[in-house]
Every structure is written in C-alpha cells, then in structure tokens.
Amino acid sequence: MTSTKKATGTTTGKAGKKPVCPMKRSAPAGESVLPFADSVGYQVRATHRALQRFLQVKIEPHGIPLGMWYFLRALWHEDGLTQRELSDRVGTMEPTTLSAILIMEKKGLVRRARNQDDRRKWHIHLTPKGRALKTQLLPLAREVVDTAVQNLSRSEVKQLLKGLADVQKSLHATLARLDDANNGTVE
C-alpha cells in the first residue's frame, strides 16, 4: 500500500503503521521544512501573544501592566513567597522580579518582610489593596479565556489542555535529560 495524504495534513505509511509526522518529510528546494501552519511552537506562541494582548487590554484600565499581572497572579495563589520562589513561579530572572516587586511596593500592592530564620531571604506579601485586585481582575482573565475558547466544546477544551500538558511534559523530560547529560549525571 502506498502512503496517502489525509485532509489533516498527516501522511500515513503502510497499513498498521504509525502516521508519519508531516514535519519529518523532505521539502522541495525553496519550500519551508516547517511551515508556520504545521509548527506547534509557532502556533502556541501566536496564541500566547494574542491572549496576552487581550488580557493587557482588559487589565491596563485598572492600572496593572501585563508584566505585573503574573506576579500578582502567583501571589493570589500563594501569598508570602520568597523573591526566588516568585521568580520560579513566574519564570523570570530574580533581578526582573525584584524590579517588579519594588514597583508593586510603591503602588501599595505588596510589602516585603525579611525571613526571621534566613536574613538573606525576603517574603513578598499582598497588601489589602493587592489582594482586593483579585476580585476585579480574575473575572477579566476568565473573560479572556472564555473568549479564546468560545468556538470549542467543553470536551475540546479539555482535550486541548491535556494536549498542551502532554507537550509540556515531553519538553520538560527532554530538557531534564539534556541538563543531566550536560552536567555529567547520565550513566
């Protein structure tokens, strides 16, 4: 049996064989090997940028820039994080986190408290003003998400979230193996 191209863009091999990934096909000279339409990375990034832009439009009238949003969101989930923990949760470098903390402190949204056991650590706590923003801003974030998935059924949203979690799991496992190999811990 010869391979056939399905409407989904995947190519199937002989009967009983796994589908062949379209990104692994050879492209004719001059043609992109990984078209944007087939690139998970490109599509996730484009989607992320659209979500960020829409969220920014929703929250900026409340005096909260997008960069500050992620720190507030982490603190609403778990107040009292250290600067390092906050950096890890948000995925930023500590100097970036410190800059955001100082700005949020000036706006009266957070306060810093030194750790009694380890004086090098600072814990970041929401002020009543920072905590109160949760009831104003989280519904706006929910609206952004609801708008983004309005053309999907509940089961499609669940499938999308599972697929994204699987992609993340695969990437994290691969990165961990690469880190182990680079650190010489792989046997």
N, C-alpha and C. Protein backbone atom coordinates (compact mmCIF):
# COMPACT_ATOMS: atom_id res chain seq x y z
N MET A 1 0.85 -1.18 0.00
CA MET A 1 0.00 0.00 0.00
C MET A 1 0.89 1.23 0.00
N THR A 2 0.61 2.18 -0.82
CA THR A 2 1.39 3.41 -0.88
C THR A 2 0.86 4.39 0.16
N SER A 3 1.68 5.35 0.51
CA SER A 3 1.23 6.31 1.50
C SER A 3 0.26 7.30 0.88
N THR A 4 -0.65 7.79 1.71
CA THR A 4 -1.66 8.74 1.26
C THR A 4 -1.66 9.93 2.19
N LYS A 5 -2.04 11.06 1.65
CA LYS A 5 -2.12 12.27 2.47
C LYS A 5 -3.56 12.47 2.89
N LYS A 6 -3.77 12.58 4.21
CA LYS A 6 -5.10 12.82 4.74
C LYS A 6 -5.40 14.31 4.71
N ALA A 7 -6.66 14.64 4.91
CA ALA A 7 -7.08 16.04 4.95
C ALA A 7 -6.44 16.78 6.11
N THR A 8 -6.05 16.08 7.16
CA THR A 8 -5.44 16.71 8.33
C THR A 8 -4.02 17.13 8.07
N GLY A 9 -3.43 16.67 7.00
CA GLY A 9 -2.06 17.04 6.69
C GLY A 9 -1.06 15.99 7.13
N THR A 10 -1.51 14.91 7.78
CA THR A 10 -0.57 13.86 8.16
C THR A 10 -0.48 12.84 7.06
N THR A 11 0.64 12.20 6.98
CA THR A 11 0.86 11.20 5.95
C THR A 11 0.88 9.84 6.62
N THR A 12 0.16 8.89 6.05
CA THR A 12 0.15 7.56 6.62
C THR A 12 1.03 6.66 5.80
N GLY A 13 1.66 5.72 6.48
CA GLY A 13 2.53 4.76 5.80
C GLY A 13 1.73 3.52 5.45
N LYS A 14 2.41 2.36 5.45
CA LYS A 14 1.75 1.10 5.13
C LYS A 14 0.71 0.80 6.19
N ALA A 15 -0.26 -0.06 5.85
CA ALA A 15 -1.33 -0.42 6.76
C ALA A 15 -0.76 -0.91 8.08
N GLY A 16 -1.36 -0.45 9.19
CA GLY A 16 -0.92 -0.88 10.51
C GLY A 16 0.25 -0.10 11.05
N LYS A 17 0.81 0.80 10.28
CA LYS A 17 1.95 1.59 10.73
C LYS A 17 1.47 2.92 11.33
N LYS A 18 2.28 3.48 12.20
CA LYS A 18 2.01 4.77 12.79
C LYS A 18 2.03 5.86 11.72
N PRO A 19 1.21 6.93 11.87
CA PRO A 19 1.28 8.03 10.91
C PRO A 19 2.67 8.67 10.94
N VAL A 20 3.07 9.16 9.81
CA VAL A 20 4.36 9.83 9.69
C VAL A 20 4.14 11.30 10.01
N CYS A 21 4.99 11.86 10.85
CA CYS A 21 4.88 13.27 11.22
C CYS A 21 5.14 14.13 9.98
N PRO A 22 4.24 15.09 9.68
CA PRO A 22 4.44 15.91 8.48
C PRO A 22 5.70 16.75 8.55
N MET A 23 6.22 17.06 9.75
CA MET A 23 7.41 17.87 9.86
C MET A 23 8.67 17.09 9.50
N LYS A 24 8.58 15.77 9.42
CA LYS A 24 9.76 14.96 9.11
C LYS A 24 9.90 14.66 7.63
N ARG A 25 8.94 15.13 6.84
CA ARG A 25 9.02 14.93 5.39
C ARG A 25 10.08 15.83 4.80
N SER A 26 10.63 15.42 3.71
CA SER A 26 11.57 16.27 2.99
C SER A 26 10.78 17.30 2.21
N ALA A 27 11.27 18.52 2.23
CA ALA A 27 10.60 19.58 1.49
C ALA A 27 11.37 19.86 0.22
N PRO A 28 10.64 20.18 -0.87
CA PRO A 28 11.33 20.55 -2.10
C PRO A 28 12.19 21.78 -1.86
N ALA A 29 13.23 21.95 -2.66
CA ALA A 29 14.14 23.09 -2.53
C ALA A 29 13.34 24.39 -2.53
N GLY A 30 13.66 25.27 -1.61
CA GLY A 30 12.99 26.56 -1.55
C GLY A 30 11.72 26.55 -0.72
N GLU A 31 11.21 25.39 -0.34
CA GLU A 31 9.99 25.32 0.46
C GLU A 31 10.37 25.15 1.92
N SER A 32 9.63 25.79 2.80
CA SER A 32 9.89 25.70 4.23
C SER A 32 9.75 24.26 4.71
N VAL A 33 10.72 23.79 5.48
CA VAL A 33 10.67 22.45 6.02
C VAL A 33 9.62 22.38 7.12
N LEU A 34 9.39 23.49 7.80
CA LEU A 34 8.42 23.54 8.88
C LEU A 34 7.52 24.77 8.69
N PRO A 35 6.50 24.62 7.88
CA PRO A 35 5.59 25.76 7.64
C PRO A 35 4.96 26.22 8.96
N PHE A 36 4.69 27.49 9.08
CA PHE A 36 4.09 28.02 10.29
C PHE A 36 2.81 27.28 10.66
N ALA A 37 2.02 26.91 9.69
CA ALA A 37 0.76 26.22 9.96
C ALA A 37 0.98 24.86 10.62
N ASP A 38 2.13 24.25 10.41
CA ASP A 38 2.44 22.94 10.98
C ASP A 38 3.33 23.03 12.23
N SER A 39 3.72 24.21 12.62
CA SER A 39 4.65 24.38 13.73
C SER A 39 3.89 24.58 15.04
N VAL A 40 3.96 23.60 15.92
CA VAL A 40 3.31 23.71 17.22
C VAL A 40 3.87 24.90 17.98
N GLY A 41 5.20 25.05 17.95
CA GLY A 41 5.83 26.16 18.65
C GLY A 41 5.33 27.51 18.16
N TYR A 42 5.27 27.69 16.86
CA TYR A 42 4.80 28.95 16.28
C TYR A 42 3.34 29.20 16.66
N GLN A 43 2.51 28.17 16.56
CA GLN A 43 1.09 28.33 16.85
C GLN A 43 0.84 28.62 18.34
N VAL A 44 1.60 27.96 19.22
CA VAL A 44 1.46 28.22 20.66
C VAL A 44 1.89 29.66 20.94
N ARG A 45 3.00 30.09 20.34
CA ARG A 45 3.48 31.45 20.56
C ARG A 45 2.48 32.48 20.05
N ALA A 46 1.95 32.27 18.86
CA ALA A 46 0.97 33.21 18.29
C ALA A 46 -0.28 33.29 19.18
N THR A 47 -0.71 32.14 19.67
CA THR A 47 -1.88 32.10 20.55
C THR A 47 -1.57 32.82 21.86
N HIS A 48 -0.39 32.55 22.42
CA HIS A 48 0.02 33.19 23.67
C HIS A 48 0.05 34.71 23.51
N ARG A 49 0.60 35.17 22.41
CA ARG A 49 0.69 36.62 22.18
C ARG A 49 -0.69 37.25 22.07
N ALA A 50 -1.61 36.57 21.40
CA ALA A 50 -2.98 37.09 21.28
C ALA A 50 -3.67 37.12 22.64
N LEU A 51 -3.48 36.06 23.43
CA LEU A 51 -4.06 36.02 24.78
C LEU A 51 -3.49 37.15 25.64
N GLN A 52 -2.18 37.35 25.58
CA GLN A 52 -1.54 38.40 26.36
C GLN A 52 -2.06 39.78 25.96
N ARG A 53 -2.17 40.00 24.67
CA ARG A 53 -2.63 41.31 24.19
C ARG A 53 -4.05 41.60 24.66
N PHE A 54 -4.93 40.60 24.57
CA PHE A 54 -6.31 40.78 25.00
C PHE A 54 -6.36 41.00 26.52
N LEU A 55 -5.58 40.24 27.28
CA LEU A 55 -5.54 40.42 28.73
C LEU A 55 -5.03 41.82 29.07
N GLN A 56 -4.01 42.26 28.36
CA GLN A 56 -3.45 43.60 28.59
C GLN A 56 -4.53 44.67 28.40
N VAL A 57 -5.31 44.54 27.34
CA VAL A 57 -6.38 45.50 27.06
C VAL A 57 -7.39 45.52 28.21
N LYS A 58 -7.64 44.36 28.80
CA LYS A 58 -8.63 44.25 29.87
C LYS A 58 -8.13 44.79 31.21
N ILE A 59 -6.84 44.57 31.55
CA ILE A 59 -6.38 44.91 32.90
C ILE A 59 -5.71 46.28 33.00
N GLU A 60 -5.19 46.81 31.91
CA GLU A 60 -4.50 48.10 31.99
C GLU A 60 -5.38 49.23 32.49
N PRO A 61 -6.68 49.27 32.17
CA PRO A 61 -7.52 50.34 32.74
C PRO A 61 -7.57 50.31 34.27
N HIS A 62 -7.17 49.20 34.88
CA HIS A 62 -7.14 49.07 36.33
C HIS A 62 -5.76 49.41 36.90
N GLY A 63 -4.87 49.93 36.04
CA GLY A 63 -3.55 50.35 36.49
C GLY A 63 -2.55 49.23 36.64
N ILE A 64 -2.85 48.07 36.08
CA ILE A 64 -1.96 46.92 36.20
C ILE A 64 -1.40 46.57 34.83
N PRO A 65 -0.10 46.79 34.62
CA PRO A 65 0.51 46.37 33.35
C PRO A 65 0.63 44.84 33.31
N LEU A 66 0.75 44.31 32.13
CA LEU A 66 0.80 42.86 31.94
C LEU A 66 1.93 42.22 32.73
N GLY A 67 3.10 42.85 32.76
CA GLY A 67 4.23 42.28 33.48
C GLY A 67 3.95 42.10 34.96
N MET A 68 3.19 42.98 35.55
CA MET A 68 2.84 42.90 36.96
C MET A 68 1.79 41.81 37.21
N TRP A 69 0.95 41.57 36.22
CA TRP A 69 -0.13 40.60 36.34
C TRP A 69 0.37 39.24 36.81
N TYR A 70 1.43 38.75 36.21
CA TYR A 70 1.92 37.40 36.51
C TYR A 70 2.38 37.28 37.97
N PHE A 71 2.97 38.35 38.49
CA PHE A 71 3.41 38.32 39.89
C PHE A 71 2.21 38.35 40.83
N LEU A 72 1.24 39.20 40.52
CA LEU A 72 0.03 39.23 41.34
C LEU A 72 -0.69 37.88 41.31
N ARG A 73 -0.78 37.32 40.13
CA ARG A 73 -1.47 36.02 39.97
C ARG A 73 -0.80 34.95 40.84
N ALA A 74 0.52 34.92 40.85
CA ALA A 74 1.25 33.94 41.67
C ALA A 74 1.00 34.19 43.15
N LEU A 75 0.98 35.46 43.56
CA LEU A 75 0.77 35.79 44.96
C LEU A 75 -0.68 35.56 45.39
N TRP A 76 -1.62 35.75 44.49
CA TRP A 76 -3.02 35.43 44.82
C TRP A 76 -3.15 33.94 45.08
N HIS A 77 -2.37 33.17 44.37
CA HIS A 77 -2.41 31.72 44.54
C HIS A 77 -1.67 31.29 45.81
N GLU A 78 -0.55 31.95 46.11
CA GLU A 78 0.27 31.59 47.26
C GLU A 78 0.99 32.83 47.78
N ASP A 79 0.37 33.48 48.72
CA ASP A 79 0.94 34.70 49.30
C ASP A 79 2.15 34.36 50.17
N GLY A 80 3.09 35.29 50.24
CA GLY A 80 4.24 35.12 51.11
C GLY A 80 5.41 34.38 50.50
N LEU A 81 5.43 34.27 49.18
CA LEU A 81 6.56 33.61 48.51
C LEU A 81 7.82 34.43 48.69
N THR A 82 8.96 33.76 48.64
CA THR A 82 10.22 34.49 48.62
C THR A 82 10.42 35.03 47.21
N GLN A 83 11.38 35.95 47.09
CA GLN A 83 11.67 36.51 45.76
C GLN A 83 12.05 35.40 44.79
N ARG A 84 12.87 34.45 45.23
CA ARG A 84 13.29 33.34 44.37
C ARG A 84 12.10 32.47 43.97
N GLU A 85 11.24 32.15 44.94
CA GLU A 85 10.06 31.33 44.64
C GLU A 85 9.15 32.04 43.65
N LEU A 86 9.00 33.35 43.83
CA LEU A 86 8.18 34.14 42.92
C LEU A 86 8.79 34.14 41.52
N SER A 87 10.09 34.27 41.44
CA SER A 87 10.78 34.20 40.14
C SER A 87 10.53 32.85 39.47
N ASP A 88 10.64 31.77 40.25
CA ASP A 88 10.42 30.43 39.70
C ASP A 88 8.99 30.25 39.22
N ARG A 89 8.02 30.73 40.00
CA ARG A 89 6.61 30.57 39.62
C ARG A 89 6.29 31.31 38.32
N VAL A 90 6.85 32.52 38.22
CA VAL A 90 6.52 33.39 37.07
C VAL A 90 7.42 33.09 35.88
N GLY A 91 8.62 32.55 36.15
CA GLY A 91 9.54 32.23 35.06
C GLY A 91 10.38 33.41 34.64
N THR A 92 10.76 34.24 35.61
CA THR A 92 11.61 35.39 35.32
C THR A 92 12.90 35.29 36.12
N MET A 93 13.88 36.07 35.74
CA MET A 93 15.14 36.15 36.47
C MET A 93 14.88 36.99 37.73
N GLU A 94 15.67 36.74 38.76
CA GLU A 94 15.46 37.45 40.03
C GLU A 94 15.57 38.98 39.92
N PRO A 95 16.50 39.53 39.12
CA PRO A 95 16.54 41.00 39.01
C PRO A 95 15.23 41.57 38.42
N THR A 96 14.63 40.86 37.46
CA THR A 96 13.35 41.29 36.89
C THR A 96 12.27 41.24 37.95
N THR A 97 12.29 40.17 38.74
CA THR A 97 11.31 40.02 39.80
C THR A 97 11.47 41.13 40.83
N LEU A 98 12.71 41.43 41.20
CA LEU A 98 12.93 42.50 42.18
C LEU A 98 12.41 43.83 41.66
N SER A 99 12.65 44.13 40.40
CA SER A 99 12.14 45.38 39.82
C SER A 99 10.62 45.45 39.92
N ALA A 100 9.96 44.34 39.59
CA ALA A 100 8.50 44.31 39.66
C ALA A 100 8.02 44.46 41.10
N ILE A 101 8.69 43.80 42.02
CA ILE A 101 8.32 43.88 43.44
C ILE A 101 8.43 45.32 43.93
N LEU A 102 9.52 45.99 43.57
CA LEU A 102 9.71 47.37 44.01
C LEU A 102 8.62 48.29 43.46
N ILE A 103 8.24 48.08 42.21
CA ILE A 103 7.17 48.89 41.61
C ILE A 103 5.84 48.58 42.30
N MET A 104 5.57 47.29 42.53
CA MET A 104 4.31 46.91 43.20
C MET A 104 4.29 47.44 44.63
N GLU A 105 5.46 47.49 45.27
CA GLU A 105 5.54 48.02 46.63
C GLU A 105 5.21 49.52 46.62
N LYS A 106 5.75 50.25 45.64
CA LYS A 106 5.46 51.68 45.52
C LYS A 106 3.98 51.94 45.26
N LYS A 107 3.34 51.02 44.53
CA LYS A 107 1.90 51.16 44.24
C LYS A 107 1.04 50.69 45.42
N GLY A 108 1.68 50.18 46.45
CA GLY A 108 0.93 49.74 47.63
C GLY A 108 0.25 48.39 47.46
N LEU A 109 0.77 47.56 46.54
CA LEU A 109 0.16 46.26 46.28
C LEU A 109 0.79 45.12 47.06
N VAL A 110 2.07 45.28 47.41
CA VAL A 110 2.79 44.24 48.17
C VAL A 110 3.66 44.91 49.22
N ARG A 111 4.08 44.10 50.18
CA ARG A 111 5.07 44.53 51.15
C ARG A 111 6.08 43.40 51.28
N ARG A 112 7.32 43.78 51.57
CA ARG A 112 8.37 42.79 51.76
C ARG A 112 8.63 42.60 53.25
N ALA A 113 8.87 41.35 53.63
CA ALA A 113 9.20 41.04 55.02
C ALA A 113 10.41 40.11 55.03
N ARG A 114 11.41 40.46 55.84
CA ARG A 114 12.62 39.65 55.93
C ARG A 114 12.31 38.35 56.66
N ASN A 115 12.88 37.26 56.16
CA ASN A 115 12.75 35.94 56.79
C ASN A 115 13.50 35.96 58.12
N GLN A 116 12.83 35.53 59.18
CA GLN A 116 13.44 35.56 60.51
C GLN A 116 14.58 34.55 60.67
N ASP A 117 14.48 33.43 59.95
CA ASP A 117 15.49 32.37 60.06
C ASP A 117 16.67 32.59 59.12
N ASP A 118 16.41 33.17 57.97
CA ASP A 118 17.46 33.41 56.98
C ASP A 118 17.34 34.86 56.51
N ARG A 119 18.13 35.73 57.08
CA ARG A 119 18.01 37.17 56.84
C ARG A 119 18.30 37.56 55.39
N ARG A 120 18.82 36.65 54.59
CA ARG A 120 19.06 36.94 53.17
C ARG A 120 17.76 36.89 52.36
N LYS A 121 16.76 36.19 52.88
CA LYS A 121 15.50 35.99 52.14
C LYS A 121 14.46 37.05 52.51
N TRP A 122 13.72 37.44 51.49
CA TRP A 122 12.59 38.35 51.68
C TRP A 122 11.34 37.63 51.23
N HIS A 123 10.27 37.73 52.00
CA HIS A 123 8.97 37.18 51.61
C HIS A 123 8.11 38.33 51.10
N ILE A 124 7.37 38.05 50.06
CA ILE A 124 6.53 39.06 49.44
C ILE A 124 5.08 38.76 49.81
N HIS A 125 4.42 39.75 50.43
CA HIS A 125 3.04 39.59 50.88
C HIS A 125 2.16 40.63 50.20
N LEU A 126 0.98 40.21 49.85
CA LEU A 126 0.00 41.14 49.29
C LEU A 126 -0.51 42.07 50.39
N THR A 127 -0.75 43.30 50.02
CA THR A 127 -1.43 44.23 50.92
C THR A 127 -2.93 44.04 50.69
N PRO A 128 -3.76 44.61 51.54
CA PRO A 128 -5.21 44.53 51.26
C PRO A 128 -5.57 45.07 49.87
N LYS A 129 -4.88 46.12 49.45
CA LYS A 129 -5.11 46.68 48.10
C LYS A 129 -4.75 45.66 47.03
N GLY A 130 -3.60 45.00 47.18
CA GLY A 130 -3.17 43.99 46.20
C GLY A 130 -4.10 42.78 46.19
N ARG A 131 -4.56 42.38 47.37
CA ARG A 131 -5.48 41.25 47.49
C ARG A 131 -6.83 41.59 46.86
N ALA A 132 -7.28 42.84 47.05
CA ALA A 132 -8.58 43.27 46.52
C ALA A 132 -8.63 43.25 44.99
N LEU A 133 -7.48 43.44 44.36
CA LEU A 133 -7.45 43.42 42.89
C LEU A 133 -7.87 42.07 42.32
N LYS A 134 -7.71 41.02 43.10
CA LYS A 134 -8.08 39.68 42.64
C LYS A 134 -9.54 39.62 42.21
N THR A 135 -10.43 40.20 43.00
CA THR A 135 -11.86 40.15 42.67
C THR A 135 -12.19 41.00 41.45
N GLN A 136 -11.37 41.99 41.15
CA GLN A 136 -11.58 42.83 39.97
C GLN A 136 -10.98 42.20 38.71
N LEU A 137 -9.77 41.63 38.85
CA LEU A 137 -9.02 41.22 37.67
C LEU A 137 -9.23 39.78 37.24
N LEU A 138 -9.43 38.87 38.18
CA LEU A 138 -9.61 37.47 37.77
C LEU A 138 -10.83 37.27 36.87
N PRO A 139 -11.95 37.96 37.12
CA PRO A 139 -13.07 37.82 36.17
C PRO A 139 -12.71 38.30 34.76
N LEU A 140 -11.84 39.30 34.67
CA LEU A 140 -11.39 39.77 33.35
C LEU A 140 -10.54 38.70 32.67
N ALA A 141 -9.68 38.05 33.44
CA ALA A 141 -8.86 36.97 32.88
C ALA A 141 -9.75 35.81 32.44
N ARG A 142 -10.78 35.51 33.22
CA ARG A 142 -11.73 34.45 32.85
C ARG A 142 -12.43 34.81 31.54
N GLU A 143 -12.77 36.08 31.37
CA GLU A 143 -13.40 36.54 30.14
C GLU A 143 -12.47 36.35 28.94
N VAL A 144 -11.19 36.62 29.14
CA VAL A 144 -10.20 36.43 28.07
C VAL A 144 -10.15 34.96 27.66
N VAL A 145 -10.07 34.08 28.65
CA VAL A 145 -10.01 32.64 28.37
C VAL A 145 -11.30 32.17 27.71
N ASP A 146 -12.43 32.60 28.25
CA ASP A 146 -13.72 32.19 27.68
C ASP A 146 -13.86 32.64 26.23
N THR A 147 -13.40 33.85 25.95
CA THR A 147 -13.44 34.35 24.57
C THR A 147 -12.54 33.51 23.67
N ALA A 148 -11.37 33.16 24.18
CA ALA A 148 -10.41 32.39 23.38
C ALA A 148 -10.95 31.02 22.99
N VAL A 149 -11.74 30.41 23.86
CA VAL A 149 -12.22 29.04 23.59
C VAL A 149 -13.71 29.00 23.23
N GLN A 150 -14.28 30.14 22.90
CA GLN A 150 -15.72 30.21 22.65
C GLN A 150 -16.20 29.31 21.50
N ASN A 151 -15.33 28.98 20.58
CA ASN A 151 -15.72 28.13 19.45
C ASN A 151 -15.40 26.66 19.68
N LEU A 152 -14.98 26.31 20.89
CA LEU A 152 -14.65 24.93 21.22
C LEU A 152 -15.68 24.38 22.20
N SER A 153 -15.95 23.10 22.09
CA SER A 153 -16.83 22.45 23.07
C SER A 153 -16.03 22.21 24.36
N ARG A 154 -16.74 21.88 25.43
CA ARG A 154 -16.04 21.58 26.70
C ARG A 154 -15.06 20.43 26.52
N SER A 155 -15.46 19.42 25.78
CA SER A 155 -14.56 18.28 25.59
C SER A 155 -13.35 18.68 24.75
N GLU A 156 -13.53 19.58 23.80
CA GLU A 156 -12.39 20.06 23.01
C GLU A 156 -11.43 20.89 23.87
N VAL A 157 -11.98 21.69 24.78
CA VAL A 157 -11.13 22.47 25.69
C VAL A 157 -10.35 21.51 26.58
N LYS A 158 -11.03 20.51 27.10
CA LYS A 158 -10.36 19.52 27.95
C LYS A 158 -9.25 18.80 27.17
N GLN A 159 -9.54 18.44 25.93
CA GLN A 159 -8.56 17.76 25.07
C GLN A 159 -7.38 18.70 24.76
N LEU A 160 -7.67 19.97 24.52
CA LEU A 160 -6.61 20.96 24.25
C LEU A 160 -5.69 21.09 25.46
N LEU A 161 -6.28 21.21 26.65
CA LEU A 161 -5.48 21.34 27.87
C LEU A 161 -4.64 20.10 28.12
N LYS A 162 -5.22 18.92 27.87
CA LYS A 162 -4.46 17.68 28.03
C LYS A 162 -3.31 17.63 27.03
N GLY A 163 -3.58 18.01 25.80
CA GLY A 163 -2.54 18.01 24.77
C GLY A 163 -1.40 18.96 25.12
N LEU A 164 -1.74 20.16 25.60
CA LEU A 164 -0.71 21.11 26.00
C LEU A 164 0.09 20.59 27.19
N ALA A 165 -0.59 19.95 28.14
CA ALA A 165 0.11 19.37 29.29
C ALA A 165 1.06 18.27 28.82
N ASP A 166 0.63 17.46 27.85
CA ASP A 166 1.48 16.40 27.31
C ASP A 166 2.71 16.98 26.60
N VAL A 167 2.51 18.06 25.86
CA VAL A 167 3.62 18.72 25.18
C VAL A 167 4.63 19.23 26.22
N GLN A 168 4.12 19.89 27.26
CA GLN A 168 4.99 20.41 28.31
C GLN A 168 5.74 19.29 29.01
N LYS A 169 5.05 18.20 29.31
CA LYS A 169 5.67 17.06 29.98
C LYS A 169 6.81 16.50 29.13
N SER A 170 6.56 16.36 27.85
CA SER A 170 7.57 15.84 26.94
C SER A 170 8.79 16.76 26.88
N LEU A 171 8.54 18.06 26.78
CA LEU A 171 9.64 19.01 26.71
C LEU A 171 10.43 19.07 28.01
N HIS A 172 9.73 19.06 29.14
CA HIS A 172 10.42 19.08 30.44
C HIS A 172 11.28 17.84 30.62
N ALA A 173 10.77 16.67 30.23
CA ALA A 173 11.53 15.42 30.36
C ALA A 173 12.78 15.47 29.47
N THR A 174 12.62 15.96 28.26
CA THR A 174 13.76 16.06 27.34
C THR A 174 14.79 17.05 27.87
N LEU A 175 14.32 18.19 28.35
CA LEU A 175 15.25 19.19 28.90
C LEU A 175 15.97 18.66 30.14
N ALA A 176 15.28 17.90 30.97
CA ALA A 176 15.92 17.32 32.15
C ALA A 176 17.02 16.34 31.74
N ARG A 177 16.74 15.54 30.71
CA ARG A 177 17.78 14.61 30.21
C ARG A 177 18.97 15.38 29.66
N LEU A 178 18.71 16.45 28.93
CA LEU A 178 19.80 17.26 28.38
C LEU A 178 20.60 17.92 29.50
N ASP A 179 19.90 18.42 30.52
CA ASP A 179 20.61 19.02 31.67
C ASP A 179 21.47 17.98 32.36
N ASP A 180 20.92 16.77 32.55
CA ASP A 180 21.69 15.69 33.18
C ASP A 180 22.92 15.36 32.33
N ALA A 181 22.75 15.28 31.03
CA ALA A 181 23.86 14.96 30.13
C ALA A 181 24.92 16.06 30.19
N ASN A 182 24.49 17.31 30.21
CA ASN A 182 25.42 18.43 30.26
C ASN A 182 26.14 18.52 31.60
N ASN A 183 25.48 18.04 32.65
CA ASN A 183 26.08 18.08 33.99
C ASN A 183 26.84 16.81 34.30
N GLY A 184 26.88 15.86 33.35
CA GLY A 184 27.62 14.63 33.53
C GLY A 184 26.99 13.67 34.51
N THR A 185 25.65 13.75 34.72
CA THR A 185 25.00 12.87 35.68
C THR A 185 24.32 11.67 35.02
N VAL A 186 24.37 11.60 33.69
CA VAL A 186 23.79 10.46 32.99
C VAL A 186 24.80 9.33 32.98
N GLU A 187 24.35 8.13 33.31
CA GLU A 187 25.27 6.98 33.35
C GLU A 187 25.42 6.35 31.99
